[in-house]
């Protein structure tokens, strides 16, 4: 089995990488964010970024920092048919350490980044999801909140590979294809 996770700051393209791995290369997708969104839906809480962060923080405090990653590990182990799995939503060093401990060399962590945060902001605005910031100040605040909650700068240092998403979509897809080929 091969397990790939992409992490990165908001708007970097990490979910686009996972979606492409699924559509082009046949990876089954498991989303940690879906677990949090299901909790929000069960409590009739709107799935805004702020609300999802609060739910994550509350569950971390109540059940421990490994609550969500343990759910992901359980889902991967329960599926006996998938030979390639792409996971979205991992953020913290604990998430990565858990995956590396559970799956060893089968697990590959990709950090997706962009040189210009203003491009990330514009991409977020253009996708028009309710959880995304529409003002620059809000974008900066969300970046800071994610760093405080998830320690993404520490997780970045744990990456096995880095993809810079500074070009267009075709450029990103080419980089993912090259990475997938190299990992076979």
Foldseek 3Di string as FASTA:
>chain_A
DAEEEEDEFQLLCRVVLQVLCCPPVPAAEDELLVVLVVVCVVVVHDPALVSSLVSLVVCCVVPNNCVSLVVVLVVVVVDPPGPHHYYYDQFAPVSVVVCCVSPPPSYAYEYGEEPDVVNSLVSQCVVPDNNHDPDPVVSVVSRVSSCVRHVRVVVVVVHPYYHYPHDDPVVSSVVSVVVVVVSD
